[in-house]
């Protein structure tokens, strides 16, 4: 369905973080089993996604959501490694969860997608 995937500071495993749990309960109800089909890490674990030549994720190492345990990119990365899905997670030194962070690295993401769409 998709040829490429990238993200800036995504909530990678929402069923395991406070913010994600609150959203899932609000939108999907209390049954945690139904949450799996909306959780990127769980979808990768289950093999429910297409295989990509790479997935690009950028996270600022000063992102307060990262340090508060909300983003959980390490869970997604571990799941990708478990199923041999290549992933590139870049922790950008000194950046937080701001417009400046995204504007600093958006060109990399556009090029990442352009390379895959031209194949």
PDB file of N, CA and C in Angstrom:
ATOM      1  N   UNK A   1       0.812  -1.191   0.000  1.00  0.00           N
ATOM      2  CA  UNK A   1       0.000   0.000   0.000  1.00  0.00           C
ATOM      3  C   UNK A   1       0.865   1.269   0.000  1.00  0.00           C
ATOM      4  N   UNK A   2       1.998   1.229   0.715  1.00  0.00           N
ATOM      5  CA  UNK A   2       2.898   2.369   0.782  1.00  0.00           C
ATOM      6  C   UNK A   2       4.279   1.949   0.295  1.00  0.00           C
ATOM      7  N   UNK A   3       4.997   2.881  -0.298  1.00  0.00           N
ATOM      8  CA  UNK A   3       6.355   2.591  -0.769  1.00  0.00           C
ATOM      9  C   UNK A   3       7.419   3.035   0.209  1.00  0.00           C
ATOM     10  N   UNK A   4       7.092   3.984   1.092  1.00  0.00           N
ATOM     11  CA  UNK A   4       8.092   4.463   2.044  1.00  0.00           C
ATOM     12  C   UNK A   4       7.413   4.971   3.318  1.00  0.00           C
ATOM     13  N   UNK A   5       8.212   4.956   4.389  1.00  0.00           N
ATOM     14  CA  UNK A   5       7.706   5.379   5.699  1.00  0.00           C
ATOM     15  C   UNK A   5       8.795   6.167   6.415  1.00  0.00           C
ATOM     16  N   UNK A   6       8.415   7.316   6.951  1.00  0.00           N
ATOM     17  CA  UNK A   6       9.313   8.064   7.827  1.00  0.00           C
ATOM     18  C   UNK A   6       8.457   8.814   8.846  1.00  0.00           C
ATOM     19  N   UNK A   7       9.110   9.266   9.920  1.00  0.00           N
ATOM     20  CA  UNK A   7       8.373   9.993  10.954  1.00  0.00           C
ATOM     21  C   UNK A   7       9.314  10.864  11.763  1.00  0.00           C
ATOM     22  N   UNK A   8       8.739  11.916  12.309  1.00  0.00           N
ATOM     23  CA  UNK A   8       9.431  12.784  13.262  1.00  0.00           C
ATOM     24  C   UNK A   8       8.832  12.527  14.639  1.00  0.00           C
ATOM     25  N   UNK A   9       9.645  12.110  15.570  1.00  0.00           N
ATOM     26  CA  UNK A   9       9.252  11.925  16.968  1.00  0.00           C
ATOM     27  C   UNK A   9       7.897  11.234  17.127  1.00  0.00           C
ATOM     28  N   UNK A  10       7.717  10.077  16.494  1.00  0.00           N
ATOM     29  CA  UNK A  10       6.415   9.421  16.583  1.00  0.00           C
ATOM     30  C   UNK A  10       6.223   8.704  17.922  1.00  0.00           C
ATOM     31  N   UNK A  11       4.977   8.564  18.307  1.00  0.00           N
ATOM     32  CA  UNK A  11       4.639   7.679  19.424  1.00  0.00           C
ATOM     33  C   UNK A  11       4.630   6.285  18.815  1.00  0.00           C
ATOM     34  N   UNK A  12       5.670   5.535  19.068  1.00  0.00           N
ATOM     35  CA  UNK A  12       5.909   4.271  18.360  1.00  0.00           C
ATOM     36  C   UNK A  12       5.186   3.073  18.949  1.00  0.00           C
ATOM     37  N   UNK A  13       4.843   3.138  20.203  1.00  0.00           N
ATOM     38  CA  UNK A  13       4.225   1.990  20.881  1.00  0.00           C
ATOM     39  C   UNK A  13       3.156   2.516  21.837  1.00  0.00           C
ATOM     40  N   UNK A  14       2.097   3.133  21.279  1.00  0.00           N
ATOM     41  CA  UNK A  14       1.126   3.841  22.109  1.00  0.00           C
ATOM     42  C   UNK A  14       0.428   2.993  23.165  1.00  0.00           C
ATOM     43  N   UNK A  15       0.284   1.696  22.927  1.00  0.00           N
ATOM     44  CA  UNK A  15      -0.410   0.894  23.938  1.00  0.00           C
ATOM     45  C   UNK A  15       0.395   0.765  25.229  1.00  0.00           C
ATOM     46  N   UNK A  16       1.689   1.165  25.185  1.00  0.00           N
ATOM     47  CA  UNK A  16       2.534   1.065  26.371  1.00  0.00           C
ATOM     48  C   UNK A  16       2.924   2.412  26.969  1.00  0.00           C
ATOM     49  N   UNK A  17       2.386   3.506  26.453  1.00  0.00           N
ATOM     50  CA  UNK A  17       2.727   4.806  27.030  1.00  0.00           C
ATOM     51  C   UNK A  17       1.458   5.487  27.550  1.00  0.00           C
ATOM     52  N   UNK A  18       1.580   6.326  28.580  1.00  0.00           N
ATOM     53  CA  UNK A  18       0.402   6.955  29.185  1.00  0.00           C
ATOM     54  C   UNK A  18      -0.476   7.722  28.196  1.00  0.00           C
ATOM     55  N   UNK A  19       0.138   8.512  27.336  1.00  0.00           N
ATOM     56  CA  UNK A  19      -0.614   9.314  26.374  1.00  0.00           C
ATOM     57  C   UNK A  19      -1.378   8.411  25.396  1.00  0.00           C
ATOM     58  N   UNK A  20      -0.707   7.381  24.897  1.00  0.00           N
ATOM     59  CA  UNK A  20      -1.342   6.450  23.969  1.00  0.00           C
ATOM     60  C   UNK A  20      -2.475   5.677  24.610  1.00  0.00           C
ATOM     61  N   UNK A  21      -2.266   5.209  25.829  1.00  0.00           N
ATOM     62  CA  UNK A  21      -3.327   4.468  26.536  1.00  0.00           C
ATOM     63  C   UNK A  21      -4.569   5.338  26.688  1.00  0.00           C
ATOM     64  N   UNK A  22      -4.364   6.589  27.078  1.00  0.00           N
ATOM     65  CA  UNK A  22      -5.497   7.510  27.251  1.00  0.00           C
ATOM     66  C   UNK A  22      -6.251   7.691  25.931  1.00  0.00           C
ATOM     67  N   UNK A  23      -5.511   7.872  24.848  1.00  0.00           N
ATOM     68  CA  UNK A  23      -6.147   8.045  23.533  1.00  0.00           C
ATOM     69  C   UNK A  23      -6.867   6.771  23.100  1.00  0.00           C
ATOM     70  N   UNK A  24      -6.212   5.624  23.258  1.00  0.00           N
ATOM     71  CA  UNK A  24      -6.833   4.361  22.847  1.00  0.00           C
ATOM     72  C   UNK A  24      -8.109   4.081  23.628  1.00  0.00           C
ATOM     73  N   UNK A  25      -8.085   4.324  24.925  1.00  0.00           N
ATOM     74  CA  UNK A  25      -9.296   4.127  25.733  1.00  0.00           C
ATOM     75  C   UNK A  25     -10.405   5.043  25.224  1.00  0.00           C
ATOM     76  N   UNK A  26     -10.053   6.300  24.963  1.00  0.00           N
ATOM     77  CA  UNK A  26     -11.041   7.269  24.490  1.00  0.00           C
ATOM     78  C   UNK A  26     -11.632   6.933  23.131  1.00  0.00           C
ATOM     79  N   UNK A  27     -10.800   6.426  22.229  1.00  0.00           N
ATOM     80  CA  UNK A  27     -11.251   6.144  20.867  1.00  0.00           C
ATOM     81  C   UNK A  27     -11.685   4.697  20.647  1.00  0.00           C
ATOM     82  N   UNK A  28     -11.043   3.763  21.331  1.00  0.00           N
ATOM     83  CA  UNK A  28     -11.247   2.345  21.024  1.00  0.00           C
ATOM     84  C   UNK A  28     -11.842   1.532  22.173  1.00  0.00           C
ATOM     85  N   UNK A  29     -11.902   2.115  23.356  1.00  0.00           N
ATOM     86  CA  UNK A  29     -12.443   1.385  24.504  1.00  0.00           C
ATOM     87  C   UNK A  29     -11.351   0.708  25.317  1.00  0.00           C
ATOM     88  N   UNK A  30     -11.774  -0.045  26.307  1.00  0.00           N
ATOM     89  CA  UNK A  30     -10.860  -0.645  27.279  1.00  0.00           C
ATOM     90  C   UNK A  30     -10.179  -1.931  26.834  1.00  0.00           C
ATOM     91  N   UNK A  31     -10.658  -2.576  25.795  1.00  0.00           N
ATOM     92  CA  UNK A  31     -10.098  -3.866  25.379  1.00  0.00           C
ATOM     93  C   UNK A  31      -8.754  -3.638  24.682  1.00  0.00           C
ATOM     94  N   UNK A  32      -7.678  -3.928  25.413  1.00  0.00           N
ATOM     95  CA  UNK A  32      -6.335  -3.668  24.895  1.00  0.00           C
ATOM     96  C   UNK A  32      -5.996  -4.495  23.653  1.00  0.00           C
ATOM     97  N   UNK A  33      -6.639  -5.627  23.470  1.00  0.00           N
ATOM     98  CA  UNK A  33      -6.375  -6.440  22.277  1.00  0.00           C
ATOM     99  C   UNK A  33      -6.751  -5.703  20.996  1.00  0.00           C
ATOM    100  N   UNK A  34      -7.764  -4.862  21.059  1.00  0.00           N
ATOM    101  CA  UNK A  34      -8.182  -4.112  19.863  1.00  0.00           C
ATOM    102  C   UNK A  34      -7.207  -2.991  19.527  1.00  0.00           C
ATOM    103  N   UNK A  35      -6.356  -2.641  20.464  1.00  0.00           N
ATOM    104  CA  UNK A  35      -5.409  -1.554  20.236  1.00  0.00           C
ATOM    105  C   UNK A  35      -4.285  -1.964  19.298  1.00  0.00           C
ATOM    106  N   UNK A  36      -3.976  -3.240  19.222  1.00  0.00           N
ATOM    107  CA  UNK A  36      -2.820  -3.715  18.456  1.00  0.00           C
ATOM    108  C   UNK A  36      -2.843  -3.281  16.995  1.00  0.00           C
ATOM    109  N   UNK A  37      -4.022  -3.227  16.388  1.00  0.00           N
ATOM    110  CA  UNK A  37      -4.070  -2.881  14.970  1.00  0.00           C
ATOM    111  C   UNK A  37      -3.865  -1.391  14.710  1.00  0.00           C
ATOM    112  N   UNK A  38      -3.672  -0.613  15.783  1.00  0.00           N
ATOM    113  CA  UNK A  38      -3.410   0.821  15.655  1.00  0.00           C
ATOM    114  C   UNK A  38      -2.057   1.202  16.261  1.00  0.00           C
ATOM    115  N   UNK A  39      -1.276   0.222  16.632  1.00  0.00           N
ATOM    116  CA  UNK A  39       0.013   0.441  17.284  1.00  0.00           C
ATOM    117  C   UNK A  39       1.115  -0.028  16.337  1.00  0.00           C
ATOM    118  N   UNK A  40       1.957   0.892  15.889  1.00  0.00           N
ATOM    119  CA  UNK A  40       2.985   0.574  14.883  1.00  0.00           C
ATOM    120  C   UNK A  40       3.902  -0.560  15.330  1.00  0.00           C
ATOM    121  N   UNK A  41       4.301  -0.559  16.577  1.00  0.00           N
ATOM    122  CA  UNK A  41       5.196  -1.611  17.073  1.00  0.00           C
ATOM    123  C   UNK A  41       4.514  -2.966  17.031  1.00  0.00           C
ATOM    124  N   UNK A  42       3.264  -3.021  17.432  1.00  0.00           N
ATOM    125  CA  UNK A  42       2.524  -4.286  17.415  1.00  0.00           C
ATOM    126  C   UNK A  42       2.279  -4.765  15.984  1.00  0.00           C
ATOM    127  N   UNK A  43       2.038  -3.842  15.067  1.00  0.00           N
ATOM    128  CA  UNK A  43       1.845  -4.216  13.662  1.00  0.00           C
ATOM    129  C   UNK A  43       3.119  -4.808  13.074  1.00  0.00           C
ATOM    130  N   UNK A  44       4.255  -4.212  13.395  1.00  0.00           N
ATOM    131  CA  UNK A  44       5.533  -4.765  12.924  1.00  0.00           C
ATOM    132  C   UNK A  44       5.743  -6.159  13.506  1.00  0.00           C
ATOM    133  N   UNK A  45       5.522  -6.311  14.813  1.00  0.00           N
ATOM    134  CA  UNK A  45       5.705  -7.614  15.469  1.00  0.00           C
ATOM    135  C   UNK A  45       4.857  -8.695  14.815  1.00  0.00           C
ATOM    136  N   UNK A  46       3.643  -8.336  14.433  1.00  0.00           N
ATOM    137  CA  UNK A  46       2.700  -9.300  13.869  1.00  0.00           C
ATOM    138  C   UNK A  46       2.925  -9.542  12.382  1.00  0.00           C
ATOM    139  N   UNK A  47       3.842  -8.788  11.777  1.00  0.00           N
ATOM    140  CA  UNK A  47       4.066  -8.939  10.349  1.00  0.00           C
ATOM    141  C   UNK A  47       2.901  -8.411   9.532  1.00  0.00           C
ATOM    142  N   UNK A  48       2.162  -7.458  10.106  1.00  0.00           N
ATOM    143  CA  UNK A  48       0.963  -6.927   9.460  1.00  0.00           C
ATOM    144  C   UNK A  48       1.235  -5.797   8.492  1.00  0.00           C
ATOM    145  N   UNK A  49       2.488  -5.477   8.285  1.00  0.00           N
ATOM    146  CA  UNK A  49       2.825  -4.369   7.388  1.00  0.00           C
ATOM    147  C   UNK A  49       3.641  -4.889   6.216  1.00  0.00           C
ATOM    148  N   UNK A  50       3.727  -4.083   5.197  1.00  0.00           N
ATOM    149  CA  UNK A  50       4.594  -4.396   4.062  1.00  0.00           C
ATOM    150  C   UNK A  50       6.040  -4.293   4.515  1.00  0.00           C
ATOM    151  N   UNK A  51       6.891  -4.920   3.774  1.00  0.00           N
ATOM    152  CA  UNK A  51       8.317  -4.801   4.038  1.00  0.00           C
ATOM    153  C   UNK A  51       8.837  -3.581   3.284  1.00  0.00           C
ATOM    154  N   UNK A  52       9.651  -2.790   3.941  1.00  0.00           N
ATOM    155  CA  UNK A  52      10.220  -1.592   3.330  1.00  0.00           C
ATOM    156  C   UNK A  52      11.727  -1.750   3.264  1.00  0.00           C
ATOM    157  N   UNK A  53      12.355  -1.100   2.287  1.00  0.00           N
ATOM    158  CA  UNK A  53      13.808  -1.188   2.219  1.00  0.00           C
ATOM    159  C   UNK A  53      14.448  -0.479   3.411  1.00  0.00           C
ATOM    160  N   UNK A  54      13.731   0.467   4.017  1.00  0.00           N
ATOM    161  CA  UNK A  54      14.191   1.156   5.213  1.00  0.00           C
ATOM    162  C   UNK A  54      13.018   1.971   5.758  1.00  0.00           C
ATOM    163  N   UNK A  55      13.044   2.228   7.046  1.00  0.00           N
ATOM    164  CA  UNK A  55      12.116   3.149   7.699  1.00  0.00           C
ATOM    165  C   UNK A  55      12.980   4.189   8.380  1.00  0.00           C
ATOM    166  N   UNK A  56      12.661   5.468   8.187  1.00  0.00           N
ATOM    167  CA  UNK A  56      13.454   6.559   8.754  1.00  0.00           C
ATOM    168  C   UNK A  56      12.678   7.241   9.869  1.00  0.00           C
ATOM    169  N   UNK A  57      13.309   7.329  11.039  1.00  0.00           N
ATOM    170  CA  UNK A  57      12.720   8.047  12.173  1.00  0.00           C
ATOM    171  C   UNK A  57      13.766   9.003  12.725  1.00  0.00           C
ATOM    172  N   UNK A  58      13.363  10.244  12.907  1.00  0.00           N
ATOM    173  CA  UNK A  58      14.196  11.235  13.574  1.00  0.00           C
ATOM    174  C   UNK A  58      13.546  11.612  14.896  1.00  0.00           C
ATOM    175  N   UNK A  59      14.372  11.679  15.938  1.00  0.00           N
ATOM    176  CA  UNK A  59      13.920  12.058  17.276  1.00  0.00           C
ATOM    177  C   UNK A  59      14.961  12.997  17.858  1.00  0.00           C
ATOM    178  N   UNK A  60      14.516  14.084  18.452  1.00  0.00           N
ATOM    179  CA  UNK A  60      15.442  14.971  19.142  1.00  0.00           C
ATOM    180  C   UNK A  60      15.831  14.377  20.485  1.00  0.00           C
ATOM    181  N   UNK A  61      17.105  14.377  20.796  1.00  0.00           N
ATOM    182  CA  UNK A  61      17.514  13.764  22.071  1.00  0.00           C
ATOM    183  C   UNK A  61      17.116  14.610  23.285  1.00  0.00           C
ATOM    184  N   UNK A  62      16.671  15.857  23.052  1.00  0.00           N
ATOM    185  CA  UNK A  62      16.147  16.700  24.135  1.00  0.00           C
ATOM    186  C   UNK A  62      14.625  16.803  24.098  1.00  0.00           C
ATOM    187  N   UNK A  63      13.989  15.902  23.399  1.00  0.00           N
ATOM    188  CA  UNK A  63      12.525  15.886  23.297  1.00  0.00           C
ATOM    189  C   UNK A  63      11.948  15.442  24.642  1.00  0.00           C
ATOM    190  N   UNK A  64      11.148  16.298  25.256  1.00  0.00           N
ATOM    191  CA  UNK A  64      10.584  15.975  26.573  1.00  0.00           C
ATOM    192  C   UNK A  64       9.658  14.760  26.510  1.00  0.00           C
ATOM    193  N   UNK A  65       9.057  14.506  25.367  1.00  0.00           N
ATOM    194  CA  UNK A  65       8.202  13.324  25.231  1.00  0.00           C
ATOM    195  C   UNK A  65       9.037  12.044  25.179  1.00  0.00           C
ATOM    196  N   UNK A  66      10.250  12.146  24.651  1.00  0.00           N
ATOM    197  CA  UNK A  66      11.159  11.006  24.643  1.00  0.00           C
ATOM    198  C   UNK A  66      11.579  10.663  26.064  1.00  0.00           C
ATOM    199  N   UNK A  67      12.016  11.671  26.800  1.00  0.00           N
ATOM    200  CA  UNK A  67      12.503  11.424  28.155  1.00  0.00           C
ATOM    201  C   UNK A  67      11.372  11.061  29.117  1.00  0.00           C
ATOM    202  N   UNK A  68      10.138  11.388  28.780  1.00  0.00           N
ATOM    203  CA  UNK A  68       8.998  11.037  29.630  1.00  0.00           C
ATOM    204  C   UNK A  68       8.455   9.646  29.306  1.00  0.00           C
ATOM    205  N   UNK A  69       9.094   8.944  28.379  1.00  0.00           N
ATOM    206  CA  UNK A  69       8.655   7.591  28.050  1.00  0.00           C
ATOM    207  C   UNK A  69       7.388   7.534  27.207  1.00  0.00           C
ATOM    208  N   UNK A  70       7.133   8.580  26.439  1.00  0.00           N
ATOM    209  CA  UNK A  70       5.931   8.615  25.611  1.00  0.00           C
ATOM    210  C   UNK A  70       6.176   8.096  24.188  1.00  0.00           C
ATOM    211  N   UNK A  71       7.369   8.290  23.657  1.00  0.00           N
ATOM    212  CA  UNK A  71       7.614   7.968  22.245  1.00  0.00           C
ATOM    213  C   UNK A  71       8.013   6.509  22.011  1.00  0.00           C
ATOM    214  N   UNK A  72       8.870   5.965  22.830  1.00  0.00           N
ATOM    215  CA  UNK A  72       9.297   4.560  22.788  1.00  0.00           C
ATOM    216  C   UNK A  72       9.846   4.099  21.428  1.00  0.00           C
ATOM    217  N   UNK A  73      10.728   4.887  20.799  1.00  0.00           N
ATOM    218  CA  UNK A  73      11.287   4.446  19.518  1.00  0.00           C
ATOM    219  C   UNK A  73      12.114   3.168  19.643  1.00  0.00           C
ATOM    220  N   UNK A  74      12.687   2.935  20.822  1.00  0.00           N
ATOM    221  CA  UNK A  74      13.480   1.723  21.017  1.00  0.00           C
ATOM    222  C   UNK A  74      12.619   0.464  20.900  1.00  0.00           C
ATOM    223  N   UNK A  75      11.358   0.539  21.305  1.00  0.00           N
ATOM    224  CA  UNK A  75      10.459  -0.615  21.161  1.00  0.00           C
ATOM    225  C   UNK A  75      10.200  -0.916  19.690  1.00  0.00           C
ATOM    226  N   UNK A  76       9.984   0.144  18.920  1.00  0.00           N
ATOM    227  CA  UNK A  76       9.742  -0.030  17.486  1.00  0.00           C
ATOM    228  C   UNK A  76      10.986  -0.564  16.793  1.00  0.00           C
ATOM    229  N   UNK A  77      12.126  -0.005  17.141  1.00  0.00           N
ATOM    230  CA  UNK A  77      13.389  -0.451  16.557  1.00  0.00           C
ATOM    231  C   UNK A  77      13.650  -1.923  16.877  1.00  0.00           C
ATOM    232  N   UNK A  78      13.423  -2.321  18.121  1.00  0.00           N
ATOM    233  CA  UNK A  78      13.608  -3.725  18.507  1.00  0.00           C
ATOM    234  C   UNK A  78      12.660  -4.644  17.740  1.00  0.00           C
ATOM    235  N   UNK A  79      11.410  -4.214  17.578  1.00  0.00           N
ATOM    236  CA  UNK A  79      10.440  -5.024  16.827  1.00  0.00           C
ATOM    237  C   UNK A  79      10.887  -5.163  15.372  1.00  0.00           C
ATOM    238  N   UNK A  80      11.363  -4.077  14.783  1.00  0.00           N
ATOM    239  CA  UNK A  80      11.858  -4.131  13.404  1.00  0.00           C
ATOM    240  C   UNK A  80      13.036  -5.095  13.295  1.00  0.00           C
ATOM    241  N   UNK A  81      13.957  -5.003  14.219  1.00  0.00           N
ATOM    242  CA  UNK A  81      15.116  -5.900  14.201  1.00  0.00           C
ATOM    243  C   UNK A  81      14.691  -7.356  14.342  1.00  0.00           C
ATOM    244  N   UNK A  82      13.681  -7.617  15.155  1.00  0.00           N
ATOM    245  CA  UNK A  82      13.204  -8.987  15.366  1.00  0.00           C
ATOM    246  C   UNK A  82      12.640  -9.620  14.099  1.00  0.00           C
ATOM    247  N   UNK A  83      12.065  -8.781  13.214  1.00  0.00           N
ATOM    248  CA  UNK A  83      11.468  -9.317  11.981  1.00  0.00           C
ATOM    249  C   UNK A  83      12.295  -8.959  10.739  1.00  0.00           C
ATOM    250  N   UNK A  84      13.529  -8.527  10.964  1.00  0.00           N
ATOM    251  CA  UNK A  84      14.451  -8.175   9.875  1.00  0.00           C
ATOM    252  C   UNK A  84      13.943  -7.046   8.985  1.00  0.00           C
ATOM    253  N   UNK A  85      13.264  -6.080   9.595  1.00  0.00           N
ATOM    254  CA  UNK A  85      12.847  -4.874   8.891  1.00  0.00           C
ATOM    255  C   UNK A  85      13.912  -3.815   9.133  1.00  0.00           C
ATOM    256  N   UNK A  86      14.565  -3.342   8.072  1.00  0.00           N
ATOM    257  CA  UNK A  86      15.593  -2.309   8.238  1.00  0.00           C
ATOM    258  C   UNK A  86      14.948  -1.034   8.762  1.00  0.00           C
ATOM    259  N   UNK A  87      15.629  -0.420   9.715  1.00  0.00           N
ATOM    260  CA  UNK A  87      15.153   0.835  10.294  1.00  0.00           C
ATOM    261  C   UNK A  87      16.350   1.720  10.600  1.00  0.00           C
ATOM    262  N   UNK A  88      16.182   3.010  10.364  1.00  0.00           N
ATOM    263  CA  UNK A  88      17.184   3.993  10.721  1.00  0.00           C
ATOM    264  C   UNK A  88      16.540   4.967  11.696  1.00  0.00           C
ATOM    265  N   UNK A  89      16.990   4.931  12.939  1.00  0.00           N
ATOM    266  CA  UNK A  89      16.513   5.872  13.953  1.00  0.00           C
ATOM    267  C   UNK A  89      17.671   6.812  14.260  1.00  0.00           C
ATOM    268  N   UNK A  90      17.425   8.088  14.024  1.00  0.00           N
ATOM    269  CA  UNK A  90      18.465   9.084  14.244  1.00  0.00           C
ATOM    270  C   UNK A  90      18.064   9.965  15.432  1.00  0.00           C
ATOM    271  N   UNK A  91      18.884   9.934  16.472  1.00  0.00           N
ATOM    272  CA  UNK A  91      18.684  10.793  17.638  1.00  0.00           C
ATOM    273  C   UNK A  91      19.470  12.071  17.387  1.00  0.00           C
ATOM    274  N   UNK A  92      18.759  13.143  17.131  1.00  0.00           N
ATOM    275  CA  UNK A  92      19.389  14.404  16.749  1.00  0.00           C
ATOM    276  C   UNK A  92      19.768  15.201  18.001  1.00  0.00           C
ATOM    277  N   UNK A  93      21.061  15.372  18.174  1.00  0.00           N
ATOM    278  CA  UNK A  93      21.612  15.998  19.375  1.00  0.00           C
ATOM    279  C   UNK A  93      21.167  17.455  19.510  1.00  0.00           C
ATOM    280  N   UNK A  94      20.630  17.769  20.689  1.00  0.00           N
ATOM    281  CA  UNK A  94      20.260  19.143  21.015  1.00  0.00           C
ATOM    282  C   UNK A  94      18.870  19.558  20.556  1.00  0.00           C
ATOM    283  N   UNK A  95      18.155  18.696  19.864  1.00  0.00           N
ATOM    284  CA  UNK A  95      16.831  19.061  19.354  1.00  0.00           C
ATOM    285  C   UNK A  95      15.731  18.565  20.281  1.00  0.00           C
ATOM    286  N   UNK A  96      14.620  19.313  20.265  1.00  0.00           N
ATOM    287  CA  UNK A  96      13.460  18.933  21.053  1.00  0.00           C
ATOM    288  C   UNK A  96      12.302  18.593  20.114  1.00  0.00           C
ATOM    289  N   UNK A  97      11.075  18.786  20.551  1.00  0.00           N
ATOM    290  CA  UNK A  97       9.875  18.406  19.800  1.00  0.00           C
ATOM    291  C   UNK A  97       9.260  19.667  19.171  1.00  0.00           C
ATOM    292  N   UNK A  98      10.042  20.386  18.378  1.00  0.00           N
ATOM    293  CA  UNK A  98       9.608  21.698  17.910  1.00  0.00           C
ATOM    294  C   UNK A  98       9.594  21.804  16.387  1.00  0.00           C
ATOM    295  N   UNK A  99       9.020  22.910  15.932  1.00  0.00           N
ATOM    296  CA  UNK A  99       9.027  23.235  14.503  1.00  0.00           C
ATOM    297  C   UNK A  99      10.466  23.317  13.978  1.00  0.00           C
ATOM    298  N   UNK A 100      11.357  23.893  14.765  1.00  0.00           N
ATOM    299  CA  UNK A 100      12.751  24.029  14.351  1.00  0.00           C
ATOM    300  C   UNK A 100      13.370  22.654  14.091  1.00  0.00           C
ATOM    301  N   UNK A 101      13.051  21.682  14.919  1.00  0.00           N
ATOM    302  CA  UNK A 101      13.545  20.310  14.736  1.00  0.00           C
ATOM    303  C   UNK A 101      13.086  19.768  13.383  1.00  0.00           C
ATOM    304  N   UNK A 102      11.801  19.855  13.115  1.00  0.00           N
ATOM    305  CA  UNK A 102      11.263  19.331  11.857  1.00  0.00           C
ATOM    306  C   UNK A 102      11.825  20.103  10.670  1.00  0.00           C
ATOM    307  N   UNK A 103      11.853  21.417  10.769  1.00  0.00           N
ATOM    308  CA  UNK A 103      12.354  22.211   9.638  1.00  0.00           C
ATOM    309  C   UNK A 103      13.839  21.942   9.369  1.00  0.00           C
ATOM    310  N   UNK A 104      14.559  21.500  10.383  1.00  0.00           N
ATOM    311  CA  UNK A 104      15.985  21.205  10.205  1.00  0.00           C
ATOM    312  C   UNK A 104      16.235  19.919   9.433  1.00  0.00           C
ATOM    313  N   UNK A 105      15.290  18.978   9.480  1.00  0.00           N
ATOM    314  CA  UNK A 105      15.523  17.661   8.888  1.00  0.00           C
ATOM    315  C   UNK A 105      14.491  17.240   7.845  1.00  0.00           C
ATOM    316  N   UNK A 106      13.551  18.118   7.524  1.00  0.00           N
ATOM    317  CA  UNK A 106      12.501  17.755   6.565  1.00  0.00           C
ATOM    318  C   UNK A 106      13.082  17.440   5.188  1.00  0.00           C
ATOM    319  N   UNK A 107      14.137  18.141   4.790  1.00  0.00           N
ATOM    320  CA  UNK A 107      14.734  17.878   3.481  1.00  0.00           C
ATOM    321  C   UNK A 107      15.226  16.433   3.384  1.00  0.00           C
ATOM    322  N   UNK A 108      15.806  15.916   4.456  1.00  0.00           N
ATOM    323  CA  UNK A 108      16.245  14.510   4.471  1.00  0.00           C
ATOM    324  C   UNK A 108      15.079  13.566   4.228  1.00  0.00           C
ATOM    325  N   UNK A 109      13.938  13.868   4.836  1.00  0.00           N
ATOM    326  CA  UNK A 109      12.768  13.003   4.700  1.00  0.00           C
ATOM    327  C   UNK A 109      12.172  13.087   3.299  1.00  0.00           C
ATOM    328  N   UNK A 110      12.149  14.285   2.739  1.00  0.00           N
ATOM    329  CA  UNK A 110      11.648  14.441   1.369  1.00  0.00           C
ATOM    330  C   UNK A 110      12.532  13.658   0.402  1.00  0.00           C
ATOM    331  N   UNK A 111      13.837  13.762   0.561  1.00  0.00           N
ATOM    332  CA  UNK A 111      14.761  13.014  -0.297  1.00  0.00           C
ATOM    333  C   UNK A 111      14.603  11.504  -0.092  1.00  0.00           C
ATOM    334  N   UNK A 112      14.421  11.091   1.153  1.00  0.00           N
ATOM    335  CA  UNK A 112      14.211   9.677   1.478  1.00  0.00           C
ATOM    336  C   UNK A 112      13.018   9.125   0.694  1.00  0.00           C
ATOM    337  N   UNK A 113      11.903   9.866   0.716  1.00  0.00           N
ATOM    338  CA  UNK A 113      10.700   9.418   0.006  1.00  0.00           C
ATOM    339  C   UNK A 113      10.865   9.531  -1.512  1.00  0.00           C
ATOM    340  N   UNK A 114      11.488  10.572  -1.967  1.00  0.00           N
ATOM    341  CA  UNK A 114      11.677  10.771  -3.415  1.00  0.00           C
ATOM    342  C   UNK A 114      12.477   9.621  -4.015  1.00  0.00           C
ATOM    343  N   UNK A 115      13.511   9.185  -3.319  1.00  0.00           N
ATOM    344  CA  UNK A 115      14.320   8.064  -3.819  1.00  0.00           C
ATOM    345  C   UNK A 115      13.473   6.802  -3.984  1.00  0.00           C
ATOM    346  N   UNK A 116      12.549   6.577  -3.086  1.00  0.00           N
ATOM    347  CA  UNK A 116      11.724   5.371  -3.141  1.00  0.00           C
ATOM    348  C   UNK A 116      10.584   5.481  -4.159  1.00  0.00           C
ATOM    349  N   UNK A 117      10.111   6.691  -4.385  1.00  0.00           N
ATOM    350  CA  UNK A 117       9.029   6.868  -5.357  1.00  0.00           C
ATOM    351  C   UNK A 117       9.536   6.818  -6.780  1.00  0.00           C
ATOM    352  N   UNK A 118      10.823   7.036  -6.978  1.00  0.00           N
ATOM    353  CA  UNK A 118      11.392   6.990  -8.319  1.00  0.00           C
ATOM    354  C   UNK A 118      11.788   5.583  -8.752  1.00  0.00           C
ATOM    355  N   UNK A 119      11.717   4.648  -7.829  1.00  0.00           N
ATOM    356  CA  UNK A 119      12.106   3.259  -8.140  1.00  0.00           C
ATOM    357  C   UNK A 119      11.055   2.597  -9.011  1.00  0.00           C
TER     358      UNK A 119
END
